[in-house]
């Protein structure tokens, strides 16, 4: 990994590059074609550039804004058809100070390459000092998570042992030994971008969570 950062007053410019290279043979799942342990290997490269700044508006207000662009490169054995994804984001935050009251409202918009539309994440918080050593606060925000590369592009064949001994009483005696041991059933697991039975799957959407908080701080 590597990171470079520049700051001047409230201006900040950050860039980083991460590379993760992992080999993880799964000893419990054999590869149906080779019989060897299933290889769960992945090489992920991520490059990110972020720019942000803040400006005072009068005596009681601060505006903060910025954005980032991120590029991901993938090489994953169980998702061989996913190669890259681009993520774009922008945010704006307004802080207002009025005597004992502090209000913060923010909005962030993100556009991920595997989502059809941009996703907006709002945030609002307020704190009030009822006394110099006592404050109450409240906030509400919404966050999201996009489907992963595996969610979209998983393409995996595994052997699933199926117990068929319950069928033995229904079979002639000559065929009962065939179900004495688990039957090795070949199962293919796929992500949302692949059709099942010739029918396209529904497009995956982002998952989101909305959080509310109220608190008190005393010193």
C-alpha atoms as a PDB file:
ATOM      1  CA  UNK A   1       0.000   0.000   0.000  1.00  0.00           C
ATOM      2  CA  UNK A   2       1.007   3.603  -0.441  1.00  0.00           C
ATOM      3  CA  UNK A   3      -0.530   6.959   0.430  1.00  0.00           C
ATOM      4  CA  UNK A   4       0.229  10.573  -0.437  1.00  0.00           C
ATOM      5  CA  UNK A   5      -1.527  13.519   1.241  1.00  0.00           C
ATOM      6  CA  UNK A   6      -1.365  17.276   0.800  1.00  0.00           C
ATOM      7  CA  UNK A   7      -3.052  19.869   3.017  1.00  0.00           C
ATOM      8  CA  UNK A   8      -3.106  23.643   3.093  1.00  0.00           C
ATOM      9  CA  UNK A   9      -5.425  25.272   5.627  1.00  0.00           C
ATOM     10  CA  UNK A  10      -8.717  23.381   5.149  1.00  0.00           C
ATOM     11  CA  UNK A  11      -7.829  22.048   1.701  1.00  0.00           C
ATOM     12  CA  UNK A  12      -6.897  18.380   1.608  1.00  0.00           C
ATOM     13  CA  UNK A  13      -5.856  16.138  -1.251  1.00  0.00           C
ATOM     14  CA  UNK A  14      -5.367  12.441  -0.565  1.00  0.00           C
ATOM     15  CA  UNK A  15      -4.384   9.610  -2.877  1.00  0.00           C
ATOM     16  CA  UNK A  16      -3.742   5.979  -2.050  1.00  0.00           C
ATOM     17  CA  UNK A  17      -3.023   2.700  -3.788  1.00  0.00           C
ATOM     18  CA  UNK A  18      -3.724  -0.677  -2.163  1.00  0.00           C
ATOM     19  CA  UNK A  19      -2.919  -4.104  -3.561  1.00  0.00           C
ATOM     20  CA  UNK A  20      -4.129  -7.322  -1.935  1.00  0.00           C
ATOM     21  CA  UNK A  21      -2.894 -10.657  -3.274  1.00  0.00           C
ATOM     22  CA  UNK A  22      -4.217 -13.745  -1.469  1.00  0.00           C
ATOM     23  CA  UNK A  23      -4.108 -17.481  -2.077  1.00  0.00           C
ATOM     24  CA  UNK A  24      -6.626 -19.439  -0.018  1.00  0.00           C
ATOM     25  CA  UNK A  25      -7.133 -23.094  -0.992  1.00  0.00           C
ATOM     26  CA  UNK A  26     -10.302 -24.445   0.597  1.00  0.00           C
ATOM     27  CA  UNK A  27      -9.454 -27.889   1.942  1.00  0.00           C
ATOM     28  CA  UNK A  28     -13.117 -28.729   2.590  1.00  0.00           C
ATOM     29  CA  UNK A  29     -14.329 -28.125  -0.970  1.00  0.00           C
ATOM     30  CA  UNK A  30     -12.667 -30.090  -3.793  1.00  0.00           C
ATOM     31  CA  UNK A  31     -12.624 -28.743  -7.333  1.00  0.00           C
ATOM     32  CA  UNK A  32     -14.990 -31.010  -9.347  1.00  0.00           C
ATOM     33  CA  UNK A  33     -12.674 -30.967 -12.376  1.00  0.00           C
ATOM     34  CA  UNK A  34      -9.322 -31.623 -10.703  1.00  0.00           C
ATOM     35  CA  UNK A  35     -10.257 -33.107  -7.321  1.00  0.00           C
ATOM     36  CA  UNK A  36      -7.767 -30.745  -5.671  1.00  0.00           C
ATOM     37  CA  UNK A  37      -8.740 -28.154  -3.044  1.00  0.00           C
ATOM     38  CA  UNK A  38     -10.874 -25.359  -4.478  1.00  0.00           C
ATOM     39  CA  UNK A  39      -8.728 -22.278  -5.046  1.00  0.00           C
ATOM     40  CA  UNK A  40     -10.174 -19.103  -3.524  1.00  0.00           C
ATOM     41  CA  UNK A  41      -7.508 -16.741  -4.843  1.00  0.00           C
ATOM     42  CA  UNK A  42      -7.947 -13.038  -5.467  1.00  0.00           C
ATOM     43  CA  UNK A  43      -5.868 -10.085  -6.564  1.00  0.00           C
ATOM     44  CA  UNK A  44      -7.478  -6.690  -5.908  1.00  0.00           C
ATOM     45  CA  UNK A  45      -5.928  -3.333  -6.769  1.00  0.00           C
ATOM     46  CA  UNK A  46      -7.579  -0.122  -5.565  1.00  0.00           C
ATOM     47  CA  UNK A  47      -6.575   3.434  -6.476  1.00  0.00           C
ATOM     48  CA  UNK A  48      -8.371   6.399  -4.889  1.00  0.00           C
ATOM     49  CA  UNK A  49      -8.126  10.178  -5.206  1.00  0.00           C
ATOM     50  CA  UNK A  50     -10.021  12.486  -2.827  1.00  0.00           C
ATOM     51  CA  UNK A  51     -10.215  16.279  -2.718  1.00  0.00           C
ATOM     52  CA  UNK A  52     -11.986  18.283  -0.010  1.00  0.00           C
ATOM     53  CA  UNK A  53     -12.112  21.840   1.320  1.00  0.00           C
ATOM     54  CA  UNK A  54     -13.951  24.003   3.866  1.00  0.00           C
ATOM     55  CA  UNK A  55     -14.916  27.680   3.873  1.00  0.00           C
ATOM     56  CA  UNK A  56     -16.340  29.902   6.577  1.00  0.00           C
ATOM     57  CA  UNK A  57     -19.533  31.760   5.758  1.00  0.00           C
ATOM     58  CA  UNK A  58     -19.828  34.702   8.099  1.00  0.00           C
ATOM     59  CA  UNK A  59     -19.126  34.098  11.771  1.00  0.00           C
ATOM     60  CA  UNK A  60     -21.378  31.129  12.484  1.00  0.00           C
ATOM     61  CA  UNK A  61     -21.316  28.828   9.461  1.00  0.00           C
ATOM     62  CA  UNK A  62     -18.835  26.478   7.780  1.00  0.00           C
ATOM     63  CA  UNK A  63     -19.325  24.758   4.436  1.00  0.00           C
ATOM     64  CA  UNK A  64     -17.364  21.584   3.664  1.00  0.00           C
ATOM     65  CA  UNK A  65     -17.380  19.933   0.253  1.00  0.00           C
ATOM     66  CA  UNK A  66     -15.399  17.485  -1.812  1.00  0.00           C
ATOM     67  CA  UNK A  67     -15.425  14.254  -3.740  1.00  0.00           C
ATOM     68  CA  UNK A  68     -13.451  11.210  -4.709  1.00  0.00           C
ATOM     69  CA  UNK A  69     -12.932   8.787  -7.567  1.00  0.00           C
ATOM     70  CA  UNK A  70     -11.945   5.168  -6.990  1.00  0.00           C
ATOM     71  CA  UNK A  71     -10.878   2.476  -9.444  1.00  0.00           C
ATOM     72  CA  UNK A  72     -10.886  -1.209  -8.521  1.00  0.00           C
ATOM     73  CA  UNK A  73      -9.206  -3.960 -10.557  1.00  0.00           C
ATOM     74  CA  UNK A  74     -10.099  -7.594  -9.829  1.00  0.00           C
ATOM     75  CA  UNK A  75      -8.624 -11.005 -10.566  1.00  0.00           C
ATOM     76  CA  UNK A  76     -10.727 -13.544  -8.610  1.00  0.00           C
ATOM     77  CA  UNK A  77     -10.732 -17.274  -9.256  1.00  0.00           C
ATOM     78  CA  UNK A  78     -14.375 -17.790  -8.219  1.00  0.00           C
ATOM     79  CA  UNK A  79     -15.529 -14.730 -10.215  1.00  0.00           C
ATOM     80  CA  UNK A  80     -13.370 -14.806 -13.352  1.00  0.00           C
ATOM     81  CA  UNK A  81     -15.551 -12.440 -15.396  1.00  0.00           C
ATOM     82  CA  UNK A  82     -15.328  -9.421 -13.097  1.00  0.00           C
ATOM     83  CA  UNK A  83     -12.412  -7.205 -14.066  1.00  0.00           C
ATOM     84  CA  UNK A  84     -12.955  -3.692 -12.737  1.00  0.00           C
ATOM     85  CA  UNK A  85     -15.329  -1.245 -11.107  1.00  0.00           C
ATOM     86  CA  UNK A  86     -15.317   2.546 -10.892  1.00  0.00           C
ATOM     87  CA  UNK A  87     -16.806   4.448  -7.948  1.00  0.00           C
ATOM     88  CA  UNK A  88     -17.540   8.189  -7.903  1.00  0.00           C
ATOM     89  CA  UNK A  89     -18.602  10.238  -4.879  1.00  0.00           C
ATOM     90  CA  UNK A  90     -19.326  13.837  -3.899  1.00  0.00           C
ATOM     91  CA  UNK A  91     -20.383  15.387  -0.596  1.00  0.00           C
ATOM     92  CA  UNK A  92     -21.532  18.694   0.895  1.00  0.00           C
ATOM     93  CA  UNK A  93     -21.836  19.548   4.599  1.00  0.00           C
ATOM     94  CA  UNK A  94     -23.143  22.681   6.315  1.00  0.00           C
ATOM     95  CA  UNK A  95     -22.354  23.436   9.971  1.00  0.00           C
ATOM     96  CA  UNK A  96     -24.153  26.250  11.774  1.00  0.00           C
ATOM     97  CA  UNK A  97     -23.277  27.532  15.259  1.00  0.00           C
ATOM     98  CA  UNK A  98     -25.845  29.683  17.072  1.00  0.00           C
ATOM     99  CA  UNK A  99     -24.892  30.349  20.672  1.00  0.00           C
ATOM    100  CA  UNK A 100     -25.470  27.013  22.443  1.00  0.00           C
ATOM    101  CA  UNK A 101     -26.881  25.255  19.377  1.00  0.00           C
ATOM    102  CA  UNK A 102     -24.822  23.451  16.736  1.00  0.00           C
ATOM    103  CA  UNK A 103     -26.512  22.020  13.648  1.00  0.00           C
ATOM    104  CA  UNK A 104     -24.839  19.866  10.987  1.00  0.00           C
ATOM    105  CA  UNK A 105     -26.522  18.793   7.765  1.00  0.00           C
ATOM    106  CA  UNK A 106     -24.741  16.796   5.088  1.00  0.00           C
ATOM    107  CA  UNK A 107     -25.421  15.009   1.847  1.00  0.00           C
ATOM    108  CA  UNK A 108     -23.285  12.502  -0.052  1.00  0.00           C
ATOM    109  CA  UNK A 109     -23.972  11.066  -3.494  1.00  0.00           C
ATOM    110  CA  UNK A 110     -22.230   7.956  -4.841  1.00  0.00           C
ATOM    111  CA  UNK A 111     -22.319   6.293  -8.245  1.00  0.00           C
ATOM    112  CA  UNK A 112     -20.947   2.764  -8.376  1.00  0.00           C
ATOM    113  CA  UNK A 113     -20.295   0.950 -11.615  1.00  0.00           C
ATOM    114  CA  UNK A 114     -22.527  -1.985 -10.650  1.00  0.00           C
ATOM    115  CA  UNK A 115     -25.531   0.218  -9.732  1.00  0.00           C
ATOM    116  CA  UNK A 116     -27.858   1.730 -12.326  1.00  0.00           C
ATOM    117  CA  UNK A 117     -28.465   4.947 -10.383  1.00  0.00           C
ATOM    118  CA  UNK A 118     -26.602   7.162  -7.960  1.00  0.00           C
ATOM    119  CA  UNK A 119     -27.283   6.671  -4.251  1.00  0.00           C
ATOM    120  CA  UNK A 120     -27.806   9.597  -1.873  1.00  0.00           C
ATOM    121  CA  UNK A 121     -26.833   9.373   1.807  1.00  0.00           C
ATOM    122  CA  UNK A 122     -28.171  12.253   3.965  1.00  0.00           C
ATOM    123  CA  UNK A 123     -27.132  13.092   7.519  1.00  0.00           C
ATOM    124  CA  UNK A 124     -28.489  15.561  10.067  1.00  0.00           C
ATOM    125  CA  UNK A 125     -27.354  16.160  13.638  1.00  0.00           C
ATOM    126  CA  UNK A 126     -27.894  18.786  16.316  1.00  0.00           C
ATOM    127  CA  UNK A 127     -26.445  19.385  19.754  1.00  0.00           C
ATOM    128  CA  UNK A 128     -27.512  21.861  22.418  1.00  0.00           C
ATOM    129  CA  UNK A 129     -25.588  22.865  25.529  1.00  0.00           C
ATOM    130  CA  UNK A 130     -28.106  23.131  28.328  1.00  0.00           C
ATOM    131  CA  UNK A 131     -25.196  24.236  30.553  1.00  0.00           C
ATOM    132  CA  UNK A 132     -21.425  24.699  29.978  1.00  0.00           C
ATOM    133  CA  UNK A 133     -20.775  21.121  31.163  1.00  0.00           C
ATOM    134  CA  UNK A 134     -23.913  19.436  29.805  1.00  0.00           C
ATOM    135  CA  UNK A 135     -25.101  18.820  26.245  1.00  0.00           C
ATOM    136  CA  UNK A 136     -27.800  16.811  24.546  1.00  0.00           C
ATOM    137  CA  UNK A 137     -27.529  15.660  20.954  1.00  0.00           C
ATOM    138  CA  UNK A 138     -29.518  13.876  18.305  1.00  0.00           C
ATOM    139  CA  UNK A 139     -28.824  12.634  14.802  1.00  0.00           C
ATOM    140  CA  UNK A 140     -30.318  10.751  11.890  1.00  0.00           C
ATOM    141  CA  UNK A 141     -28.473   9.368   8.881  1.00  0.00           C
ATOM    142  CA  UNK A 142     -28.785   6.869   6.081  1.00  0.00           C
ATOM    143  CA  UNK A 143     -25.932   4.749   4.715  1.00  0.00           C
ATOM    144  CA  UNK A 144     -25.758   2.094   2.025  1.00  0.00           C
ATOM    145  CA  UNK A 145     -23.700  -0.822   0.768  1.00  0.00           C
ATOM    146  CA  UNK A 146     -23.518  -1.816  -2.865  1.00  0.00           C
ATOM    147  CA  UNK A 147     -23.457  -5.465  -4.009  1.00  0.00           C
ATOM    148  CA  UNK A 148     -19.940  -6.878  -4.042  1.00  0.00           C
ATOM    149  CA  UNK A 149     -18.101  -8.254  -7.054  1.00  0.00           C
ATOM    150  CA  UNK A 150     -18.850 -11.751  -5.729  1.00  0.00           C
ATOM    151  CA  UNK A 151     -22.572 -10.952  -5.394  1.00  0.00           C
ATOM    152  CA  UNK A 152     -22.642  -9.981  -9.065  1.00  0.00           C
ATOM    153  CA  UNK A 153     -20.169 -12.343 -10.726  1.00  0.00           C
ATOM    154  CA  UNK A 154     -19.779 -15.499  -8.635  1.00  0.00           C
ATOM    155  CA  UNK A 155     -19.215 -18.464 -10.962  1.00  0.00           C
ATOM    156  CA  UNK A 156     -18.385 -21.564  -8.966  1.00  0.00           C
ATOM    157  CA  UNK A 157     -18.792 -25.315  -9.367  1.00  0.00           C
ATOM    158  CA  UNK A 158     -18.751 -27.427  -6.212  1.00  0.00           C
ATOM    159  CA  UNK A 159     -19.564 -31.016  -5.313  1.00  0.00           C
ATOM    160  CA  UNK A 160     -22.449 -31.265  -2.858  1.00  0.00           C
ATOM    161  CA  UNK A 161     -22.821 -34.745  -1.267  1.00  0.00           C
ATOM    162  CA  UNK A 162     -26.530 -35.621  -1.121  1.00  0.00           C
ATOM    163  CA  UNK A 163     -27.782 -38.340   1.244  1.00  0.00           C
ATOM    164  CA  UNK A 164     -30.103 -40.651  -0.719  1.00  0.00           C
ATOM    165  CA  UNK A 165     -30.318 -43.488   1.814  1.00  0.00           C
ATOM    166  CA  UNK A 166     -33.986 -42.651   2.376  1.00  0.00           C
ATOM    167  CA  UNK A 167     -34.692 -43.983  -1.120  1.00  0.00           C
ATOM    168  CA  UNK A 168     -33.217 -47.408  -0.397  1.00  0.00           C
ATOM    169  CA  UNK A 169     -36.531 -49.033   0.714  1.00  0.00           C
ATOM    170  CA  UNK A 170     -38.102 -47.942  -2.568  1.00  0.00           C
ATOM    171  CA  UNK A 171     -35.436 -49.551  -4.746  1.00  0.00           C
ATOM    172  CA  UNK A 172     -34.905 -53.179  -5.694  1.00  0.00           C
ATOM    173  CA  UNK A 173     -32.275 -54.905  -3.593  1.00  0.00           C
ATOM    174  CA  UNK A 174     -29.833 -54.916  -6.507  1.00  0.00           C
ATOM    175  CA  UNK A 175     -29.887 -51.098  -6.656  1.00  0.00           C
ATOM    176  CA  UNK A 176     -29.840 -50.307  -2.932  1.00  0.00           C
ATOM    177  CA  UNK A 177     -25.987 -50.317  -2.751  1.00  0.00           C
ATOM    178  CA  UNK A 178     -26.005 -47.384  -5.199  1.00  0.00           C
ATOM    179  CA  UNK A 179     -27.470 -45.078  -2.536  1.00  0.00           C
ATOM    180  CA  UNK A 180     -25.540 -46.449   0.434  1.00  0.00           C
ATOM    181  CA  UNK A 181     -23.069 -43.563   0.183  1.00  0.00           C
ATOM    182  CA  UNK A 182     -23.764 -39.848  -0.393  1.00  0.00           C
ATOM    183  CA  UNK A 183     -24.327 -39.054  -4.063  1.00  0.00           C
ATOM    184  CA  UNK A 184     -21.845 -36.434  -5.388  1.00  0.00           C
ATOM    185  CA  UNK A 185     -24.136 -33.814  -6.929  1.00  0.00           C
ATOM    186  CA  UNK A 186     -22.452 -31.107  -9.010  1.00  0.00           C
ATOM    187  CA  UNK A 187     -23.823 -27.676  -8.082  1.00  0.00           C
ATOM    188  CA  UNK A 188     -23.098 -24.394  -9.836  1.00  0.00           C
ATOM    189  CA  UNK A 189     -23.361 -21.163  -7.890  1.00  0.00           C
ATOM    190  CA  UNK A 190     -23.682 -17.938  -9.873  1.00  0.00           C
ATOM    191  CA  UNK A 191     -24.016 -14.230  -9.200  1.00  0.00           C
ATOM    192  CA  UNK A 192     -26.827 -11.941 -10.263  1.00  0.00           C
ATOM    193  CA  UNK A 193     -25.307 -11.193 -13.683  1.00  0.00           C
ATOM    194  CA  UNK A 194     -25.845 -14.762 -14.905  1.00  0.00           C
ATOM    195  CA  UNK A 195     -29.058 -16.274 -16.158  1.00  0.00           C
ATOM    196  CA  UNK A 196     -30.576 -19.288 -14.364  1.00  0.00           C
ATOM    197  CA  UNK A 197     -32.366 -21.768 -16.572  1.00  0.00           C
ATOM    198  CA  UNK A 198     -32.158 -19.336 -19.468  1.00  0.00           C
ATOM    199  CA  UNK A 199     -33.924 -16.597 -17.479  1.00  0.00           C
ATOM    200  CA  UNK A 200     -32.091 -13.438 -16.454  1.00  0.00           C
ATOM    201  CA  UNK A 201     -32.013 -12.680 -12.746  1.00  0.00           C
ATOM    202  CA  UNK A 202     -33.314  -9.490 -11.211  1.00  0.00           C
ATOM    203  CA  UNK A 203     -30.738  -6.712 -10.944  1.00  0.00           C
ATOM    204  CA  UNK A 204     -29.302  -6.408  -7.448  1.00  0.00           C
ATOM    205  CA  UNK A 205     -29.882  -3.128  -5.627  1.00  0.00           C
ATOM    206  CA  UNK A 206     -27.952  -1.496  -2.825  1.00  0.00           C
ATOM    207  CA  UNK A 207     -28.825  -2.337   0.780  1.00  0.00           C
ATOM    208  CA  UNK A 208     -29.329   0.596   3.136  1.00  0.00           C
ATOM    209  CA  UNK A 209     -29.710   1.339   6.819  1.00  0.00           C
ATOM    210  CA  UNK A 210     -31.268   4.376   8.511  1.00  0.00           C
ATOM    211  CA  UNK A 211     -29.999   5.156  12.010  1.00  0.00           C
ATOM    212  CA  UNK A 212     -31.348   7.426  14.736  1.00  0.00           C
ATOM    213  CA  UNK A 213     -29.434   8.478  17.842  1.00  0.00           C
ATOM    214  CA  UNK A 214     -30.135  10.612  20.880  1.00  0.00           C
ATOM    215  CA  UNK A 215     -27.561  11.156  23.591  1.00  0.00           C
ATOM    216  CA  UNK A 216     -26.378  13.166  26.547  1.00  0.00           C
ATOM    217  CA  UNK A 217     -22.861  14.206  27.530  1.00  0.00           C
ATOM    218  CA  UNK A 218     -21.875  15.587  30.910  1.00  0.00           C
ATOM    219  CA  UNK A 219     -18.450  16.611  32.203  1.00  0.00           C
END
